[in-house]
């Protein structure tokens, strides 16, 4: 399902952002 693919992509992006500068994202 496309929804699952989108969720996985978003998950990866969130993890990447948290790794670089976790304080910008809430």
C-alpha atoms as a PDB file:
ATOM      1  CA  UNK A   1       0.000   0.000   0.000  1.00  0.00           C
ATOM      2  CA  UNK A   2       1.221   3.485  -0.817  1.00  0.00           C
ATOM      3  CA  UNK A   3       0.362   4.675   2.690  1.00  0.00           C
ATOM      4  CA  UNK A   4       2.870   2.262   4.206  1.00  0.00           C
ATOM      5  CA  UNK A   5       5.612   3.454   1.846  1.00  0.00           C
ATOM      6  CA  UNK A   6       4.952   7.069   2.792  1.00  0.00           C
ATOM      7  CA  UNK A   7       5.027   6.237   6.495  1.00  0.00           C
ATOM      8  CA  UNK A   8       8.360   4.440   6.125  1.00  0.00           C
ATOM      9  CA  UNK A   9       9.837   7.381   4.202  1.00  0.00           C
ATOM     10  CA  UNK A  10       8.618   9.877   6.792  1.00  0.00           C
ATOM     11  CA  UNK A  11      10.008   7.702   9.557  1.00  0.00           C
ATOM     12  CA  UNK A  12      13.432   7.686   7.915  1.00  0.00           C
ATOM     13  CA  UNK A  13      13.367  11.462   7.422  1.00  0.00           C
ATOM     14  CA  UNK A  14      12.394  12.059  11.036  1.00  0.00           C
ATOM     15  CA  UNK A  15      15.183   9.812  12.255  1.00  0.00           C
ATOM     16  CA  UNK A  16      17.701  11.615  10.049  1.00  0.00           C
ATOM     17  CA  UNK A  17      16.604  15.030  11.307  1.00  0.00           C
ATOM     18  CA  UNK A  18      16.711  13.939  14.936  1.00  0.00           C
ATOM     19  CA  UNK A  19      20.245  12.663  14.397  1.00  0.00           C
ATOM     20  CA  UNK A  20      21.472  15.968  12.929  1.00  0.00           C
ATOM     21  CA  UNK A  21      19.640  18.457  15.170  1.00  0.00           C
ATOM     22  CA  UNK A  22      17.065  16.887  17.446  1.00  0.00           C
ATOM     23  CA  UNK A  23      16.126  20.105  19.194  1.00  0.00           C
ATOM     24  CA  UNK A  24      14.578  21.700  16.103  1.00  0.00           C
ATOM     25  CA  UNK A  25      11.847  19.052  15.838  1.00  0.00           C
ATOM     26  CA  UNK A  26       9.359  18.651  18.633  1.00  0.00           C
END
